[in-house]
Amino acid sequence: MGENQSKKVSLPLTKASAASLHAGDVVSLTGVMYSARDAAHARMTEEAAKMRDAGETVRYPFDLAGQVVYYLGPTPARPGEVIGSAGPTTASRMDKYTPELLDAGLLGMVGKGKRSPAVIEAMKRNGAVYFAAIGGAGALLSQCIKKSEVIAYDDLGTEAIREMWVEDFPAVVVIDSEGNNLYESAVEAYRQV
């Protein structure tokens, strides 16, 4: 792969496609991605707990198998645009909910910042990956979102769950399915210089 090339990744992910990604890989994501952040994660896991307590089959607002969730609360779209500014939010705010969602089939997350040891263990257990998107580039990232539709929790406004079609969405694999962590390896590589 050339220095300025990125790996093309089709969404949803498969176990094989997730396993082929390594910490530090620059990727270009194309396919269906879902948005969800703090309030949506809290509601999804609260509803799942109620279903479990009632002896019901747990259903999430969308089938999590192989899906990627973008930690996103976009600004309102301007007339004629699909979505407003679409920059990532800090991933650690979703950490207390993430292991459950990974165990239910989620294979990828897009955000910014570090993840907890519990999330990294759940990623390794489930073969999932964590992508970082560039914070502060929300207006540019929104251009990669070609379709967006609220599918759950409309009452949460910008924190509602959206199904989005993305094309050539740029990201970096920060933590791969084996738990290799670019945030740690990059610091170590810098110390070696």
N, C-alpha and C. Protein backbone atom coordinates (compact mmCIF):
# COMPACT_ATOMS: atom_id res chain seq x y z
N MET A 1 0.86 -1.18 0.00
CA MET A 1 0.00 0.00 0.00
C MET A 1 0.89 1.23 0.00
N GLY A 2 0.66 2.14 -0.90
CA GLY A 2 1.44 3.37 -0.98
C GLY A 2 1.19 4.26 0.22
N GLU A 3 2.09 5.18 0.44
CA GLU A 3 2.01 6.03 1.63
C GLU A 3 0.73 6.85 1.68
N ASN A 4 0.21 7.31 0.54
CA ASN A 4 -0.98 8.14 0.52
C ASN A 4 -2.25 7.36 0.20
N GLN A 5 -2.15 6.03 0.10
CA GLN A 5 -3.32 5.23 -0.21
C GLN A 5 -3.95 4.74 1.09
N SER A 6 -5.26 4.51 1.00
CA SER A 6 -5.94 3.94 2.15
C SER A 6 -6.57 2.62 1.73
N LYS A 7 -6.79 1.76 2.72
CA LYS A 7 -7.46 0.50 2.47
C LYS A 7 -8.94 0.78 2.29
N LYS A 8 -9.53 0.24 1.25
CA LYS A 8 -10.97 0.35 1.03
C LYS A 8 -11.65 -0.70 1.90
N VAL A 9 -12.60 -0.27 2.70
CA VAL A 9 -13.30 -1.18 3.60
C VAL A 9 -14.79 -1.04 3.36
N SER A 10 -15.45 -2.17 3.07
CA SER A 10 -16.90 -2.20 2.86
C SER A 10 -17.60 -2.45 4.19
N LEU A 11 -18.71 -1.73 4.37
CA LEU A 11 -19.53 -1.88 5.58
C LEU A 11 -20.86 -2.50 5.19
N PRO A 12 -21.46 -3.32 6.05
CA PRO A 12 -20.99 -3.70 7.38
C PRO A 12 -19.72 -4.55 7.30
N LEU A 13 -19.05 -4.67 8.42
CA LEU A 13 -17.84 -5.46 8.52
C LEU A 13 -18.19 -6.95 8.63
N THR A 14 -17.23 -7.77 8.30
CA THR A 14 -17.30 -9.19 8.60
C THR A 14 -16.18 -9.47 9.60
N LYS A 15 -16.20 -10.63 10.22
CA LYS A 15 -15.10 -10.99 11.12
C LYS A 15 -13.78 -10.98 10.36
N ALA A 16 -13.82 -11.47 9.11
CA ALA A 16 -12.59 -11.53 8.29
C ALA A 16 -12.11 -10.13 7.93
N SER A 17 -13.02 -9.24 7.53
CA SER A 17 -12.58 -7.89 7.16
C SER A 17 -12.06 -7.14 8.38
N ALA A 18 -12.68 -7.34 9.54
CA ALA A 18 -12.19 -6.69 10.76
C ALA A 18 -10.81 -7.22 11.13
N ALA A 19 -10.63 -8.54 10.99
CA ALA A 19 -9.34 -9.16 11.34
C ALA A 19 -8.22 -8.72 10.40
N SER A 20 -8.56 -8.29 9.19
CA SER A 20 -7.54 -7.87 8.22
C SER A 20 -7.01 -6.47 8.49
N LEU A 21 -7.64 -5.76 9.42
CA LEU A 21 -7.24 -4.38 9.73
C LEU A 21 -6.28 -4.36 10.90
N HIS A 22 -5.30 -3.47 10.82
CA HIS A 22 -4.27 -3.40 11.85
C HIS A 22 -4.13 -1.96 12.36
N ALA A 23 -3.80 -1.83 13.62
CA ALA A 23 -3.60 -0.51 14.21
C ALA A 23 -2.64 0.28 13.34
N GLY A 24 -3.05 1.49 12.99
CA GLY A 24 -2.25 2.35 12.14
C GLY A 24 -2.70 2.38 10.69
N ASP A 25 -3.53 1.41 10.28
CA ASP A 25 -4.04 1.41 8.90
C ASP A 25 -4.91 2.64 8.65
N VAL A 26 -4.67 3.29 7.53
CA VAL A 26 -5.54 4.37 7.08
C VAL A 26 -6.58 3.70 6.20
N VAL A 27 -7.86 3.99 6.47
CA VAL A 27 -8.94 3.32 5.76
C VAL A 27 -9.91 4.31 5.15
N SER A 28 -10.67 3.79 4.20
CA SER A 28 -11.74 4.53 3.54
C SER A 28 -12.97 3.64 3.64
N LEU A 29 -13.96 4.07 4.43
CA LEU A 29 -15.14 3.26 4.72
C LEU A 29 -16.27 3.60 3.77
N THR A 30 -16.91 2.57 3.21
CA THR A 30 -18.06 2.77 2.33
C THR A 30 -19.14 1.75 2.68
N GLY A 31 -20.36 2.24 2.85
CA GLY A 31 -21.49 1.37 3.16
C GLY A 31 -22.36 1.98 4.24
N VAL A 32 -23.12 1.12 4.93
CA VAL A 32 -24.02 1.57 5.98
C VAL A 32 -23.27 1.70 7.30
N MET A 33 -23.49 2.83 7.96
CA MET A 33 -22.94 3.11 9.28
C MET A 33 -24.06 3.74 10.10
N TYR A 34 -24.06 3.53 11.39
CA TYR A 34 -25.09 4.09 12.26
C TYR A 34 -24.49 5.13 13.19
N SER A 35 -25.25 6.18 13.46
CA SER A 35 -24.80 7.17 14.44
C SER A 35 -25.48 6.88 15.77
N ALA A 36 -24.75 7.03 16.83
CA ALA A 36 -25.30 6.91 18.19
C ALA A 36 -24.26 7.47 19.15
N ARG A 37 -24.74 8.23 20.11
CA ARG A 37 -23.82 8.68 21.14
C ARG A 37 -24.42 8.48 22.51
N ASP A 38 -24.05 9.25 23.50
CA ASP A 38 -24.35 8.99 24.91
C ASP A 38 -25.80 8.60 25.19
N ALA A 39 -26.73 9.47 24.84
CA ALA A 39 -28.13 9.25 25.20
C ALA A 39 -28.69 8.01 24.50
N ALA A 40 -28.33 7.80 23.24
CA ALA A 40 -28.82 6.63 22.51
C ALA A 40 -28.23 5.34 23.10
N HIS A 41 -26.95 5.37 23.46
CA HIS A 41 -26.34 4.19 24.07
C HIS A 41 -27.02 3.86 25.39
N ALA A 42 -27.27 4.88 26.19
CA ALA A 42 -27.93 4.66 27.48
C ALA A 42 -29.30 4.04 27.27
N ARG A 43 -30.07 4.58 26.34
CA ARG A 43 -31.42 4.06 26.11
C ARG A 43 -31.38 2.64 25.55
N MET A 44 -30.48 2.37 24.61
CA MET A 44 -30.40 1.02 24.05
C MET A 44 -30.12 -0.02 25.13
N THR A 45 -29.17 0.28 26.01
CA THR A 45 -28.81 -0.70 27.02
C THR A 45 -29.88 -0.79 28.12
N GLU A 46 -30.55 0.32 28.44
CA GLU A 46 -31.65 0.28 29.41
C GLU A 46 -32.81 -0.56 28.87
N GLU A 47 -33.16 -0.36 27.60
CA GLU A 47 -34.25 -1.13 26.99
C GLU A 47 -33.87 -2.61 26.92
N ALA A 48 -32.63 -2.91 26.59
CA ALA A 48 -32.18 -4.31 26.53
C ALA A 48 -32.28 -4.96 27.91
N ALA A 49 -31.91 -4.23 28.96
CA ALA A 49 -32.00 -4.77 30.32
C ALA A 49 -33.45 -5.07 30.69
N LYS A 50 -34.37 -4.18 30.32
CA LYS A 50 -35.79 -4.42 30.60
C LYS A 50 -36.29 -5.65 29.87
N MET A 51 -35.87 -5.84 28.62
CA MET A 51 -36.28 -7.02 27.85
C MET A 51 -35.74 -8.29 28.51
N ARG A 52 -34.46 -8.26 28.93
CA ARG A 52 -33.87 -9.42 29.60
C ARG A 52 -34.62 -9.73 30.88
N ASP A 53 -34.90 -8.69 31.68
CA ASP A 53 -35.61 -8.87 32.96
C ASP A 53 -37.01 -9.45 32.75
N ALA A 54 -37.62 -9.11 31.62
CA ALA A 54 -38.97 -9.61 31.31
C ALA A 54 -38.93 -10.97 30.62
N GLY A 55 -37.74 -11.52 30.43
CA GLY A 55 -37.60 -12.81 29.77
C GLY A 55 -37.82 -12.77 28.27
N GLU A 56 -37.73 -11.56 27.70
CA GLU A 56 -37.93 -11.39 26.27
C GLU A 56 -36.60 -11.47 25.52
N THR A 57 -36.69 -11.74 24.23
CA THR A 57 -35.51 -11.69 23.38
C THR A 57 -35.09 -10.23 23.24
N VAL A 58 -33.81 -9.97 23.44
CA VAL A 58 -33.30 -8.59 23.35
C VAL A 58 -33.25 -8.17 21.88
N ARG A 59 -33.84 -7.02 21.62
CA ARG A 59 -33.81 -6.43 20.28
C ARG A 59 -33.28 -5.00 20.43
N TYR A 60 -32.34 -4.67 19.59
CA TYR A 60 -31.81 -3.31 19.56
C TYR A 60 -32.50 -2.59 18.40
N PRO A 61 -32.38 -1.27 18.31
CA PRO A 61 -33.05 -0.53 17.23
C PRO A 61 -32.62 -0.93 15.82
N PHE A 62 -31.46 -1.58 15.70
CA PHE A 62 -30.99 -2.12 14.43
C PHE A 62 -30.18 -3.37 14.74
N ASP A 63 -30.10 -4.26 13.77
CA ASP A 63 -29.34 -5.50 13.95
C ASP A 63 -27.86 -5.13 14.06
N LEU A 64 -27.26 -5.41 15.20
CA LEU A 64 -25.88 -5.00 15.45
C LEU A 64 -24.84 -5.83 14.70
N ALA A 65 -25.22 -6.99 14.19
CA ALA A 65 -24.26 -7.91 13.58
C ALA A 65 -23.42 -7.25 12.49
N GLY A 66 -22.12 -7.12 12.76
CA GLY A 66 -21.18 -6.58 11.78
C GLY A 66 -21.21 -5.07 11.61
N GLN A 67 -22.09 -4.40 12.32
CA GLN A 67 -22.27 -2.96 12.09
C GLN A 67 -21.18 -2.12 12.73
N VAL A 68 -21.11 -0.89 12.25
CA VAL A 68 -20.19 0.13 12.77
C VAL A 68 -21.05 1.28 13.28
N VAL A 69 -20.75 1.72 14.49
CA VAL A 69 -21.43 2.87 15.08
C VAL A 69 -20.46 4.04 15.10
N TYR A 70 -20.94 5.17 14.61
CA TYR A 70 -20.17 6.42 14.61
C TYR A 70 -20.68 7.26 15.77
N TYR A 71 -19.80 7.61 16.68
CA TYR A 71 -20.15 8.42 17.84
C TYR A 71 -20.31 9.86 17.36
N LEU A 72 -21.54 10.19 17.01
CA LEU A 72 -21.84 11.40 16.27
C LEU A 72 -23.14 12.02 16.72
N GLY A 73 -23.16 13.31 16.88
CA GLY A 73 -24.37 14.09 17.07
C GLY A 73 -24.27 15.26 16.11
N PRO A 74 -24.74 15.10 14.88
CA PRO A 74 -24.52 16.13 13.86
C PRO A 74 -25.28 17.42 14.14
N THR A 75 -24.79 18.49 13.58
CA THR A 75 -25.53 19.75 13.62
C THR A 75 -26.67 19.64 12.60
N PRO A 76 -27.67 20.50 12.70
CA PRO A 76 -28.77 20.44 11.71
C PRO A 76 -28.24 20.66 10.29
N ALA A 77 -28.86 19.96 9.35
CA ALA A 77 -28.46 20.09 7.95
C ALA A 77 -28.95 21.41 7.38
N ARG A 78 -28.12 22.02 6.58
CA ARG A 78 -28.55 23.22 5.84
C ARG A 78 -29.45 22.78 4.70
N PRO A 79 -30.27 23.68 4.18
CA PRO A 79 -31.14 23.31 3.05
C PRO A 79 -30.34 22.68 1.91
N GLY A 80 -30.84 21.55 1.41
CA GLY A 80 -30.19 20.86 0.32
C GLY A 80 -29.06 19.93 0.72
N GLU A 81 -28.72 19.87 2.01
CA GLU A 81 -27.65 18.99 2.46
C GLU A 81 -28.23 17.78 3.18
N VAL A 82 -27.51 16.69 3.17
CA VAL A 82 -27.95 15.44 3.79
C VAL A 82 -27.87 15.52 5.31
N ILE A 83 -26.82 16.15 5.81
CA ILE A 83 -26.55 16.19 7.25
C ILE A 83 -25.71 17.42 7.53
N GLY A 84 -25.73 17.88 8.76
CA GLY A 84 -24.89 19.00 9.14
C GLY A 84 -23.47 18.53 9.44
N SER A 85 -22.72 19.37 10.12
CA SER A 85 -21.36 19.02 10.48
C SER A 85 -21.38 17.71 11.25
N ALA A 86 -20.46 16.79 10.90
CA ALA A 86 -20.53 15.43 11.40
C ALA A 86 -19.20 14.95 11.96
N GLY A 87 -18.69 15.68 12.93
CA GLY A 87 -17.43 15.31 13.56
C GLY A 87 -17.63 14.32 14.69
N PRO A 88 -16.58 13.55 15.01
CA PRO A 88 -16.68 12.53 16.06
C PRO A 88 -16.72 13.14 17.45
N THR A 89 -17.36 12.41 18.36
CA THR A 89 -17.33 12.80 19.76
C THR A 89 -16.40 11.85 20.51
N THR A 90 -16.06 12.20 21.73
CA THR A 90 -15.14 11.42 22.53
C THR A 90 -15.71 10.05 22.87
N ALA A 91 -15.01 9.02 22.45
CA ALA A 91 -15.50 7.64 22.56
C ALA A 91 -15.63 7.16 24.00
N SER A 92 -14.79 7.63 24.89
CA SER A 92 -14.81 7.10 26.27
C SER A 92 -16.16 7.31 26.95
N ARG A 93 -16.95 8.26 26.46
CA ARG A 93 -18.28 8.49 27.06
C ARG A 93 -19.22 7.33 26.80
N MET A 94 -18.90 6.48 25.82
CA MET A 94 -19.72 5.31 25.52
C MET A 94 -19.16 4.03 26.12
N ASP A 95 -18.01 4.12 26.80
CA ASP A 95 -17.31 2.92 27.26
C ASP A 95 -18.14 2.02 28.18
N LYS A 96 -18.97 2.59 29.05
CA LYS A 96 -19.72 1.73 29.97
C LYS A 96 -20.79 0.91 29.26
N TYR A 97 -21.19 1.31 28.05
CA TYR A 97 -22.21 0.59 27.29
C TYR A 97 -21.61 -0.33 26.22
N THR A 98 -20.40 -0.05 25.81
CA THR A 98 -19.82 -0.69 24.63
C THR A 98 -19.61 -2.19 24.75
N PRO A 99 -19.09 -2.74 25.86
CA PRO A 99 -18.90 -4.19 25.91
C PRO A 99 -20.19 -4.98 25.61
N GLU A 100 -21.31 -4.52 26.14
CA GLU A 100 -22.59 -5.21 25.88
C GLU A 100 -22.91 -5.20 24.38
N LEU A 101 -22.71 -4.06 23.72
CA LEU A 101 -23.03 -3.95 22.30
C LEU A 101 -22.07 -4.78 21.45
N LEU A 102 -20.81 -4.83 21.85
CA LEU A 102 -19.85 -5.67 21.14
C LEU A 102 -20.24 -7.15 21.28
N ASP A 103 -20.62 -7.55 22.48
CA ASP A 103 -21.04 -8.93 22.71
C ASP A 103 -22.30 -9.27 21.92
N ALA A 104 -23.09 -8.26 21.57
CA ALA A 104 -24.32 -8.47 20.79
C ALA A 104 -24.07 -8.43 19.28
N GLY A 105 -22.81 -8.22 18.86
CA GLY A 105 -22.50 -8.31 17.44
C GLY A 105 -21.86 -7.10 16.79
N LEU A 106 -21.84 -5.95 17.47
CA LEU A 106 -21.21 -4.76 16.91
C LEU A 106 -19.75 -5.09 16.60
N LEU A 107 -19.25 -4.69 15.42
CA LEU A 107 -17.87 -5.00 15.05
C LEU A 107 -16.98 -3.77 14.87
N GLY A 108 -17.55 -2.57 14.88
CA GLY A 108 -16.72 -1.40 14.70
C GLY A 108 -17.32 -0.16 15.33
N MET A 109 -16.44 0.74 15.71
CA MET A 109 -16.83 2.02 16.28
C MET A 109 -15.94 3.09 15.68
N VAL A 110 -16.51 4.28 15.50
CA VAL A 110 -15.75 5.43 15.01
C VAL A 110 -15.92 6.54 16.02
N GLY A 111 -14.82 7.11 16.47
CA GLY A 111 -14.88 8.20 17.44
C GLY A 111 -13.53 8.87 17.52
N LYS A 112 -13.24 9.41 18.69
CA LYS A 112 -11.92 9.98 18.94
C LYS A 112 -11.57 9.73 20.40
N GLY A 113 -10.29 9.59 20.66
CA GLY A 113 -9.83 9.39 22.02
C GLY A 113 -9.69 7.94 22.42
N LYS A 114 -9.14 7.75 23.62
CA LYS A 114 -8.80 6.43 24.14
C LYS A 114 -10.04 5.64 24.56
N ARG A 115 -9.86 4.32 24.70
CA ARG A 115 -10.90 3.40 25.17
C ARG A 115 -10.44 2.73 26.45
N SER A 116 -11.38 2.30 27.25
CA SER A 116 -11.07 1.66 28.54
C SER A 116 -10.55 0.24 28.32
N PRO A 117 -9.86 -0.29 29.33
CA PRO A 117 -9.41 -1.69 29.23
C PRO A 117 -10.58 -2.66 29.02
N ALA A 118 -11.74 -2.40 29.62
CA ALA A 118 -12.90 -3.28 29.45
C ALA A 118 -13.38 -3.30 28.00
N VAL A 119 -13.35 -2.15 27.34
CA VAL A 119 -13.75 -2.08 25.94
C VAL A 119 -12.73 -2.83 25.08
N ILE A 120 -11.46 -2.63 25.34
CA ILE A 120 -10.42 -3.30 24.55
C ILE A 120 -10.53 -4.81 24.71
N GLU A 121 -10.79 -5.29 25.90
CA GLU A 121 -10.97 -6.74 26.12
C GLU A 121 -12.18 -7.24 25.34
N ALA A 122 -13.28 -6.48 25.36
CA ALA A 122 -14.49 -6.88 24.61
C ALA A 122 -14.22 -6.87 23.11
N MET A 123 -13.41 -5.93 22.64
CA MET A 123 -13.04 -5.89 21.23
C MET A 123 -12.27 -7.15 20.85
N LYS A 124 -11.30 -7.52 21.66
CA LYS A 124 -10.51 -8.73 21.39
C LYS A 124 -11.40 -9.97 21.43
N ARG A 125 -12.28 -10.03 22.40
CA ARG A 125 -13.19 -11.18 22.56
C ARG A 125 -14.10 -11.35 21.34
N ASN A 126 -14.48 -10.22 20.73
CA ASN A 126 -15.45 -10.23 19.63
C ASN A 126 -14.85 -9.95 18.26
N GLY A 127 -13.54 -9.69 18.18
CA GLY A 127 -12.90 -9.42 16.89
C GLY A 127 -13.30 -8.08 16.29
N ALA A 128 -13.50 -7.07 17.13
CA ALA A 128 -13.96 -5.75 16.68
C ALA A 128 -12.80 -4.77 16.54
N VAL A 129 -13.06 -3.66 15.85
CA VAL A 129 -12.05 -2.62 15.64
C VAL A 129 -12.61 -1.25 16.04
N TYR A 130 -11.68 -0.37 16.39
CA TYR A 130 -12.02 1.01 16.74
C TYR A 130 -11.28 1.92 15.77
N PHE A 131 -12.06 2.74 15.07
CA PHE A 131 -11.52 3.70 14.11
C PHE A 131 -11.55 5.09 14.72
N ALA A 132 -10.56 5.91 14.40
CA ALA A 132 -10.59 7.32 14.78
C ALA A 132 -10.86 8.15 13.54
N ALA A 133 -11.76 9.12 13.72
CA ALA A 133 -12.00 10.12 12.69
C ALA A 133 -11.37 11.42 13.19
N ILE A 134 -11.11 12.32 12.29
CA ILE A 134 -10.41 13.55 12.66
C ILE A 134 -11.36 14.53 13.32
N GLY A 135 -11.09 14.81 14.59
CA GLY A 135 -11.87 15.81 15.31
C GLY A 135 -11.63 17.18 14.69
N GLY A 136 -12.66 18.01 14.66
CA GLY A 136 -12.53 19.35 14.10
C GLY A 136 -12.74 19.40 12.60
N ALA A 137 -12.97 18.23 11.98
CA ALA A 137 -13.17 18.19 10.53
C ALA A 137 -14.60 17.78 10.18
N GLY A 138 -15.54 18.09 11.05
CA GLY A 138 -16.93 17.67 10.86
C GLY A 138 -17.55 18.12 9.56
N ALA A 139 -17.24 19.33 9.12
CA ALA A 139 -17.81 19.82 7.86
C ALA A 139 -17.30 19.00 6.68
N LEU A 140 -16.02 18.63 6.72
CA LEU A 140 -15.46 17.80 5.65
C LEU A 140 -15.99 16.37 5.72
N LEU A 141 -16.08 15.80 6.93
CA LEU A 141 -16.57 14.43 7.07
C LEU A 141 -18.02 14.31 6.63
N SER A 142 -18.80 15.36 6.84
CA SER A 142 -20.22 15.30 6.46
C SER A 142 -20.38 15.11 4.95
N GLN A 143 -19.40 15.53 4.16
CA GLN A 143 -19.48 15.36 2.71
C GLN A 143 -19.39 13.89 2.30
N CYS A 144 -18.90 13.04 3.18
CA CYS A 144 -18.81 11.60 2.90
C CYS A 144 -20.12 10.88 3.22
N ILE A 145 -21.05 11.56 3.88
CA ILE A 145 -22.33 10.97 4.24
C ILE A 145 -23.32 11.32 3.14
N LYS A 146 -23.72 10.32 2.38
CA LYS A 146 -24.56 10.54 1.20
C LYS A 146 -26.04 10.40 1.49
N LYS A 147 -26.40 9.65 2.51
CA LYS A 147 -27.80 9.49 2.94
C LYS A 147 -27.81 9.41 4.46
N SER A 148 -28.87 9.93 5.06
CA SER A 148 -29.02 9.87 6.51
C SER A 148 -30.50 9.87 6.86
N GLU A 149 -30.90 8.90 7.68
CA GLU A 149 -32.30 8.80 8.09
C GLU A 149 -32.36 8.40 9.55
N VAL A 150 -33.14 9.15 10.34
CA VAL A 150 -33.34 8.79 11.74
C VAL A 150 -34.16 7.51 11.77
N ILE A 151 -33.66 6.49 12.50
CA ILE A 151 -34.38 5.22 12.59
C ILE A 151 -34.87 4.90 14.00
N ALA A 152 -34.38 5.66 15.00
CA ALA A 152 -34.80 5.40 16.38
C ALA A 152 -34.51 6.62 17.25
N TYR A 153 -35.36 6.78 18.26
CA TYR A 153 -35.17 7.81 19.30
C TYR A 153 -35.16 9.23 18.74
N ASP A 154 -36.09 9.51 17.86
CA ASP A 154 -36.21 10.84 17.26
C ASP A 154 -36.29 11.93 18.33
N ASP A 155 -36.86 11.59 19.48
CA ASP A 155 -37.00 12.57 20.56
C ASP A 155 -35.65 13.04 21.11
N LEU A 156 -34.57 12.33 20.79
CA LEU A 156 -33.24 12.72 21.27
C LEU A 156 -32.59 13.79 20.38
N GLY A 157 -33.28 14.21 19.35
CA GLY A 157 -32.74 15.27 18.48
C GLY A 157 -31.46 14.83 17.79
N THR A 158 -30.39 15.59 17.96
CA THR A 158 -29.14 15.26 17.28
C THR A 158 -28.55 13.94 17.77
N GLU A 159 -28.99 13.47 18.94
CA GLU A 159 -28.47 12.19 19.46
C GLU A 159 -29.32 11.00 19.05
N ALA A 160 -30.31 11.21 18.19
CA ALA A 160 -31.11 10.10 17.67
C ALA A 160 -30.21 9.14 16.89
N ILE A 161 -30.66 7.91 16.74
CA ILE A 161 -29.90 6.94 15.95
C ILE A 161 -30.25 7.14 14.48
N ARG A 162 -29.20 7.28 13.68
CA ARG A 162 -29.37 7.45 12.24
C ARG A 162 -28.73 6.29 11.50
N GLU A 163 -29.38 5.88 10.42
CA GLU A 163 -28.75 4.97 9.48
C GLU A 163 -28.20 5.85 8.37
N MET A 164 -26.92 5.69 8.09
CA MET A 164 -26.27 6.56 7.11
C MET A 164 -25.55 5.72 6.06
N TRP A 165 -25.54 6.22 4.84
CA TRP A 165 -24.73 5.63 3.78
C TRP A 165 -23.52 6.53 3.61
N VAL A 166 -22.33 5.96 3.82
CA VAL A 166 -21.11 6.74 3.69
C VAL A 166 -20.30 6.24 2.50
N GLU A 167 -19.58 7.16 1.88
CA GLU A 167 -18.68 6.81 0.77
C GLU A 167 -17.31 7.41 1.05
N ASP A 168 -16.31 6.55 1.02
CA ASP A 168 -14.92 6.97 1.20
C ASP A 168 -14.74 7.82 2.46
N PHE A 169 -15.32 7.35 3.54
CA PHE A 169 -15.21 8.03 4.83
C PHE A 169 -13.82 7.74 5.39
N PRO A 170 -12.98 8.78 5.59
CA PRO A 170 -11.60 8.56 6.03
C PRO A 170 -11.50 8.32 7.54
N ALA A 171 -10.71 7.32 7.91
CA ALA A 171 -10.48 7.01 9.32
C ALA A 171 -9.15 6.29 9.46
N VAL A 172 -8.74 6.11 10.69
CA VAL A 172 -7.52 5.37 11.01
C VAL A 172 -7.89 4.28 12.01
N VAL A 173 -7.38 3.08 11.81
CA VAL A 173 -7.59 2.02 12.79
C VAL A 173 -6.71 2.34 13.99
N VAL A 174 -7.33 2.63 15.11
CA VAL A 174 -6.58 2.97 16.31
C VAL A 174 -6.36 1.73 17.16
N ILE A 175 -7.40 0.92 17.32
CA ILE A 175 -7.27 -0.33 18.06
C ILE A 175 -7.82 -1.44 17.16
N ASP A 176 -6.99 -2.45 16.92
CA ASP A 176 -7.43 -3.53 16.04
C ASP A 176 -8.03 -4.68 16.84
N SER A 177 -8.46 -5.71 16.13
CA SER A 177 -9.17 -6.82 16.76
C SER A 177 -8.30 -7.65 17.69
N GLU A 178 -7.00 -7.45 17.65
CA GLU A 178 -6.10 -8.15 18.56
C GLU A 178 -5.73 -7.28 19.77
N GLY A 179 -6.25 -6.06 19.80
CA GLY A 179 -5.98 -5.16 20.92
C GLY A 179 -4.77 -4.28 20.73
N ASN A 180 -4.12 -4.35 19.57
CA ASN A 180 -3.00 -3.45 19.30
C ASN A 180 -3.53 -2.03 19.25
N ASN A 181 -2.85 -1.14 19.95
CA ASN A 181 -3.38 0.20 20.19
C ASN A 181 -2.40 1.25 19.67
N LEU A 182 -2.81 1.96 18.62
CA LEU A 182 -1.96 2.99 18.02
C LEU A 182 -1.60 4.09 19.02
N TYR A 183 -2.52 4.41 19.92
CA TYR A 183 -2.22 5.44 20.91
C TYR A 183 -1.04 5.05 21.78
N GLU A 184 -0.87 3.77 22.04
CA GLU A 184 0.26 3.30 22.84
C GLU A 184 1.50 3.08 21.98
N SER A 185 1.34 2.42 20.82
CA SER A 185 2.50 2.11 19.99
C SER A 185 3.13 3.37 19.40
N ALA A 186 2.33 4.37 19.08
CA ALA A 186 2.88 5.61 18.53
C ALA A 186 3.71 6.36 19.57
N VAL A 187 3.25 6.34 20.80
CA VAL A 187 4.01 6.99 21.89
C VAL A 187 5.33 6.26 22.09
N GLU A 188 5.27 4.94 22.08
CA GLU A 188 6.50 4.15 22.25
C GLU A 188 7.46 4.38 21.09
N ALA A 189 6.95 4.44 19.87
CA ALA A 189 7.80 4.68 18.70
C ALA A 189 8.45 6.06 18.81
N TYR A 190 7.71 7.04 19.29
CA TYR A 190 8.24 8.38 19.45
C TYR A 190 9.37 8.39 20.48
N ARG A 191 9.20 7.64 21.56
CA ARG A 191 10.24 7.56 22.61
C ARG A 191 11.53 6.94 22.08
N GLN A 192 11.39 6.06 21.09
CA GLN A 192 12.56 5.37 20.52
C GLN A 192 13.40 6.30 19.65
N VAL A 193 12.80 7.40 19.18
CA VAL A 193 13.50 8.29 18.25
C VAL A 193 14.56 9.10 18.95
